[in-house]
Amino acid sequence: MAAKARRRKSRRRLNPGPIFVLLLIVNLVMGYAYSPLLSTVKVRALGVPEWDRARIGETLKKLQDKPWSKVDEGKLEDEILEEPAVRSATLKRNLFGRAELRLTYRVPVAVLARPNNVGIDKEGVVFALHEPAPNLPTLIPPSNAWANEMTLAGSWPRTRIMDVCEAMPEIFPQQAISVNAANPDSVRLNNGSAATIILGGTKDLPKKFEALRKLLRNQPELLQNVGSINVSSPDNIATGPKGKSD
């Protein structure tokens, strides 16, 4: 009898504490993931222009009253980025049913000659314009730059051509400038009946821009008095007579 009593005493009682804590953690995690109390109840969208608010609003309705585990943030961001004018979309949420969507949109530095109402940003990405874009140069890209509709591709120096477009409003304020890059080795700037400006290739652009600024600052009437201004060699600027642009 004494041996049996000792064996009973040596048996360890099961401690329910750790099991209870584990079950509590699992319950909290499952509740956090699936409880409607922790679903998204309010979404704030930042940086959305008027023309895109209806589309963004419809997209964000998919978050309403949905447990966080059921929302694919990446998929929702990709859906928003289907609009080419959107440059970035970032969705963040917290534990209290609040979500914040931050959007940035592409800023055009030029409009395409064809098709109409299409802008191009400094990275060379094209997108439909939904708002007026005043005082932007018109770009004529190389004919082989189009891989397919609305997509500019190829090996042409697009970023340097964009540098040309971005500089034009400052050099020619409030003037309608056309950047003809059909031949990237001989980029030309046209301004209505004024002289054609021949930039040549896209190397040494800052030097060419500075030479052009200085020339026009010293001779503001030159554009109206000559047919062409060739700054392809900025240290040796040449002009051509009216009626001849080469």
Protein backbone atom coordinates (compact mmCIF):
# COMPACT_ATOMS: atom_id res chain seq x y z
CA MET A 1 0.00 0.00 0.00
CA ALA A 2 2.83 2.36 0.85
CA ALA A 3 4.42 1.75 -2.61
CA LYS A 4 1.13 2.55 -4.38
CA ALA A 5 0.79 5.78 -2.42
CA ARG A 6 4.29 6.81 -3.41
CA ARG A 7 3.53 6.12 -7.09
CA ARG A 8 0.38 8.26 -6.90
CA LYS A 9 2.36 11.12 -5.40
CA SER A 10 5.02 10.88 -8.10
CA ARG A 11 2.48 11.41 -10.88
CA ARG A 12 2.68 14.99 -12.22
CA ARG A 13 -0.53 16.87 -12.60
CA LEU A 14 -1.17 18.45 -16.01
CA ASN A 15 -0.73 22.23 -15.86
CA PRO A 16 -3.55 23.83 -17.90
CA GLY A 17 -1.89 27.25 -17.86
CA PRO A 18 0.22 27.04 -21.08
CA ILE A 19 -2.61 25.34 -22.96
CA PHE A 20 -5.01 28.08 -21.95
CA VAL A 21 -2.55 30.79 -23.06
CA LEU A 22 -2.02 29.04 -26.41
CA LEU A 23 -5.76 28.73 -27.02
CA LEU A 24 -6.23 32.37 -26.08
CA ILE A 25 -3.55 33.46 -28.58
CA VAL A 26 -5.08 31.34 -31.33
CA ASN A 27 -8.51 32.75 -30.54
CA LEU A 28 -7.21 36.32 -30.66
CA VAL A 29 -5.42 35.75 -33.96
CA MET A 30 -8.47 34.16 -35.54
CA GLY A 31 -10.65 36.93 -34.21
CA TYR A 32 -8.31 39.57 -35.54
CA ALA A 33 -8.23 37.92 -38.93
CA TYR A 34 -11.91 37.18 -39.37
CA SER A 35 -13.93 39.27 -36.96
CA PRO A 36 -16.21 41.86 -38.57
CA LEU A 37 -15.40 44.13 -35.63
CA LEU A 38 -11.89 44.53 -37.03
CA SER A 39 -12.91 44.95 -40.64
CA THR A 40 -12.13 48.05 -42.65
CA VAL A 41 -14.80 50.62 -41.91
CA LYS A 42 -13.19 53.84 -43.16
CA VAL A 43 -10.81 54.46 -46.05
CA ARG A 44 -9.09 57.75 -46.78
CA ALA A 45 -7.68 58.32 -50.27
CA LEU A 46 -4.98 60.97 -50.66
CA GLY A 47 -3.82 62.66 -53.85
CA VAL A 48 -6.80 61.70 -56.04
CA PRO A 49 -7.76 64.27 -58.69
CA GLU A 50 -11.40 65.00 -59.44
CA TRP A 51 -11.47 63.03 -62.68
CA ASP A 52 -10.37 59.77 -60.98
CA ARG A 53 -12.45 59.92 -57.80
CA ALA A 54 -15.36 57.84 -59.07
CA ARG A 55 -13.07 54.99 -60.18
CA ILE A 56 -11.09 55.03 -56.93
CA GLY A 57 -14.29 55.12 -54.90
CA GLU A 58 -15.65 52.03 -56.66
CA THR A 59 -12.39 50.19 -56.11
CA LEU A 60 -12.24 51.03 -52.40
CA LYS A 61 -15.77 49.76 -51.85
CA LYS A 62 -14.23 46.29 -52.01
CA LEU A 63 -12.53 46.98 -48.68
CA GLN A 64 -15.67 47.98 -46.82
CA ASP A 65 -16.57 45.65 -43.93
CA LYS A 66 -14.11 43.04 -45.15
CA PRO A 67 -11.81 41.21 -42.64
CA TRP A 68 -8.18 42.14 -43.22
CA SER A 69 -7.22 38.54 -44.02
CA LYS A 70 -9.59 38.59 -46.98
CA VAL A 71 -8.01 41.65 -48.59
CA ASP A 72 -5.15 41.29 -51.06
CA GLU A 73 -3.44 44.67 -50.84
CA GLY A 74 -1.15 43.99 -53.79
CA LYS A 75 -4.05 43.01 -56.03
CA LEU A 76 -5.99 46.13 -55.09
CA GLU A 77 -2.96 48.35 -55.76
CA ASP A 78 -2.43 46.66 -59.13
CA GLU A 79 -6.05 47.32 -60.02
CA ILE A 80 -5.61 51.01 -59.27
CA LEU A 81 -2.40 51.08 -61.36
CA GLU A 82 -4.31 49.85 -64.41
CA GLU A 83 -4.88 53.54 -65.12
CA PRO A 84 -1.60 54.56 -66.87
CA ALA A 85 -1.77 58.08 -65.43
CA VAL A 86 -1.27 56.65 -61.91
CA ARG A 87 2.43 56.50 -61.04
CA SER A 88 2.18 54.80 -57.63
CA ALA A 89 -0.44 53.45 -55.22
CA THR A 90 0.21 52.44 -51.62
CA LEU A 91 -2.46 51.04 -49.29
CA LYS A 92 -1.90 50.90 -45.53
CA ARG A 93 -4.25 49.73 -42.77
CA ASN A 94 -4.27 49.63 -38.98
CA LEU A 95 -5.96 47.52 -36.29
CA PHE A 96 -8.85 49.91 -35.83
CA GLY A 97 -10.62 49.53 -39.15
CA ARG A 98 -8.89 52.49 -40.80
CA ALA A 99 -7.14 52.38 -44.18
CA GLU A 100 -5.20 54.99 -46.11
CA LEU A 101 -4.52 54.97 -49.83
CA ARG A 102 -1.80 57.27 -51.14
CA LEU A 103 -1.66 57.95 -54.87
CA THR A 104 0.76 59.85 -57.07
CA TYR A 105 -0.01 60.69 -60.68
CA ARG A 106 2.27 61.18 -63.64
CA VAL A 107 3.14 64.73 -64.59
CA PRO A 108 3.40 65.32 -68.35
CA VAL A 109 6.38 67.21 -69.73
CA ALA A 110 5.04 67.07 -73.30
CA VAL A 111 2.03 66.07 -75.35
CA LEU A 112 2.27 63.80 -78.35
CA ALA A 113 1.54 65.16 -81.80
CA ARG A 114 -0.46 62.00 -82.46
CA PRO A 115 -2.67 60.63 -81.02
CA ASN A 116 -4.39 63.62 -79.50
CA ASN A 117 -4.74 64.24 -75.74
CA VAL A 118 -1.86 61.94 -74.85
CA GLY A 119 0.89 63.09 -72.51
CA ILE A 120 4.35 61.75 -71.80
CA ASP A 121 6.18 62.12 -68.50
CA LYS A 122 9.90 62.60 -67.83
CA GLU A 123 10.39 58.81 -67.70
CA GLY A 124 8.98 58.42 -71.21
CA VAL A 125 5.69 56.84 -70.10
CA VAL A 126 2.65 57.82 -72.17
CA PHE A 127 -0.87 58.20 -70.77
CA ALA A 128 -4.18 59.80 -71.64
CA LEU A 129 -4.64 63.36 -70.43
CA HIS A 130 -7.80 63.93 -68.39
CA GLU A 131 -7.11 67.59 -67.66
CA PRO A 132 -5.72 70.47 -69.73
CA ALA A 133 -1.93 70.61 -69.79
CA PRO A 134 -1.07 74.21 -70.74
CA ASN A 135 2.29 75.40 -72.02
CA LEU A 136 3.70 71.97 -72.82
CA PRO A 137 5.74 71.28 -75.94
CA THR A 138 4.42 68.94 -78.59
CA LEU A 139 6.65 65.92 -79.14
CA ILE A 140 7.17 64.12 -82.43
CA PRO A 141 8.95 60.86 -81.47
CA PRO A 142 10.86 58.59 -83.85
CA SER A 143 8.52 56.58 -86.07
CA ASN A 144 10.07 53.31 -84.83
CA ALA A 145 9.57 54.29 -81.17
CA TRP A 146 6.12 52.72 -81.04
CA ALA A 147 6.16 49.08 -79.99
CA ASN A 148 2.37 48.96 -79.89
CA GLU A 149 -0.50 51.31 -79.21
CA MET A 150 0.18 53.72 -76.33
CA THR A 151 3.61 52.24 -75.63
CA LEU A 152 6.87 53.94 -76.49
CA ALA A 153 9.81 51.58 -76.70
CA GLY A 154 13.03 51.02 -78.59
CA SER A 155 16.58 52.26 -78.12
CA TRP A 156 15.96 55.96 -78.82
CA PRO A 157 17.24 58.31 -76.06
CA ARG A 158 13.86 58.93 -74.52
CA THR A 159 15.03 60.33 -71.18
CA ARG A 160 17.26 62.90 -72.88
CA ILE A 161 14.44 63.84 -75.25
CA MET A 162 12.29 64.31 -72.15
CA ASP A 163 15.01 66.61 -70.78
CA VAL A 164 14.59 68.70 -73.94
CA CYS A 165 10.81 68.86 -73.47
CA GLU A 166 11.14 69.73 -69.78
CA ALA A 167 13.48 72.64 -70.53
CA MET A 168 11.32 74.27 -73.21
CA PRO A 169 8.74 76.12 -71.02
CA GLU A 170 11.57 77.86 -69.18
CA ILE A 171 13.53 78.81 -72.33
CA PHE A 172 10.40 79.75 -74.31
CA PRO A 173 7.81 80.83 -71.71
CA GLN A 174 4.20 80.96 -72.90
CA GLN A 175 5.18 79.82 -76.39
CA ALA A 176 3.96 76.82 -78.39
CA ILE A 177 7.05 74.73 -79.05
CA SER A 178 7.24 71.56 -81.10
CA VAL A 179 10.08 69.13 -80.35
CA ASN A 180 10.75 67.14 -83.50
CA ALA A 181 12.71 64.05 -82.46
CA ALA A 182 11.81 61.98 -85.51
CA ASN A 183 15.57 61.79 -86.01
CA PRO A 184 17.14 61.68 -82.52
CA ASP A 185 20.50 62.63 -84.03
CA SER A 186 19.03 65.88 -85.32
CA VAL A 187 16.45 67.15 -82.83
CA ARG A 188 14.71 70.33 -83.96
CA LEU A 189 12.60 72.89 -82.15
CA ASN A 190 9.88 74.72 -84.05
CA ASN A 191 7.93 77.75 -82.92
CA GLY A 192 5.38 78.68 -85.55
CA SER A 193 6.80 81.18 -88.01
CA ALA A 194 9.94 81.79 -85.92
CA ALA A 195 13.33 80.26 -86.65
CA THR A 196 13.88 76.51 -86.42
CA ILE A 197 16.36 75.66 -83.68
CA ILE A 198 18.62 72.72 -84.49
CA LEU A 199 19.86 70.99 -81.36
CA GLY A 200 21.46 68.09 -83.18
CA GLY A 201 22.02 65.00 -81.04
CA THR A 202 21.08 64.67 -77.38
CA LYS A 203 24.60 64.88 -75.94
CA ASP A 204 25.77 68.00 -74.09
CA LEU A 205 22.20 69.24 -73.66
CA PRO A 206 22.88 71.50 -70.64
CA LYS A 207 25.62 73.26 -72.60
CA LYS A 208 23.35 73.67 -75.63
CA PHE A 209 20.52 75.02 -73.49
CA GLU A 210 22.81 77.55 -71.83
CA ALA A 211 24.20 78.70 -75.18
CA LEU A 212 20.65 79.12 -76.50
CA ARG A 213 19.54 81.08 -73.41
CA LYS A 214 22.51 83.41 -73.69
CA LEU A 215 21.99 83.96 -77.42
CA LEU A 216 18.29 84.80 -77.05
CA ARG A 217 18.95 86.98 -74.03
CA ASN A 218 21.47 89.05 -75.99
CA GLN A 219 19.51 89.02 -79.25
CA PRO A 220 15.79 88.70 -78.38
CA GLU A 221 14.70 89.49 -81.97
CA LEU A 222 16.92 86.85 -83.55
CA LEU A 223 14.18 84.21 -83.75
CA GLN A 224 12.14 86.49 -86.02
CA ASN A 225 15.03 87.60 -88.20
CA VAL A 226 16.62 84.28 -89.25
CA GLY A 227 15.39 80.98 -90.62
CA SER A 228 17.39 78.68 -88.35
CA ILE A 229 19.68 78.66 -85.35
CA ASN A 230 22.06 75.72 -85.12
CA VAL A 231 23.34 75.03 -81.60
CA SER A 232 24.46 71.46 -82.28
CA SER A 233 27.96 72.83 -81.65
CA PRO A 234 27.30 75.24 -78.76
CA ASP A 235 30.75 76.83 -79.02
CA ASN A 236 30.15 77.65 -82.67
CA ILE A 237 26.51 78.65 -83.15
CA ALA A 238 25.42 79.18 -86.75
CA THR A 239 22.33 80.84 -88.21
CA GLY A 240 20.59 80.37 -91.54
CA PRO A 241 18.60 82.91 -93.59
CA LYS A 242 14.83 83.06 -93.65
CA GLY A 243 13.24 80.59 -96.04
CA LYS A 244 15.91 77.99 -95.29
CA SER A 245 15.92 76.00 -92.04
CA ASP A 246 19.03 73.86 -92.63
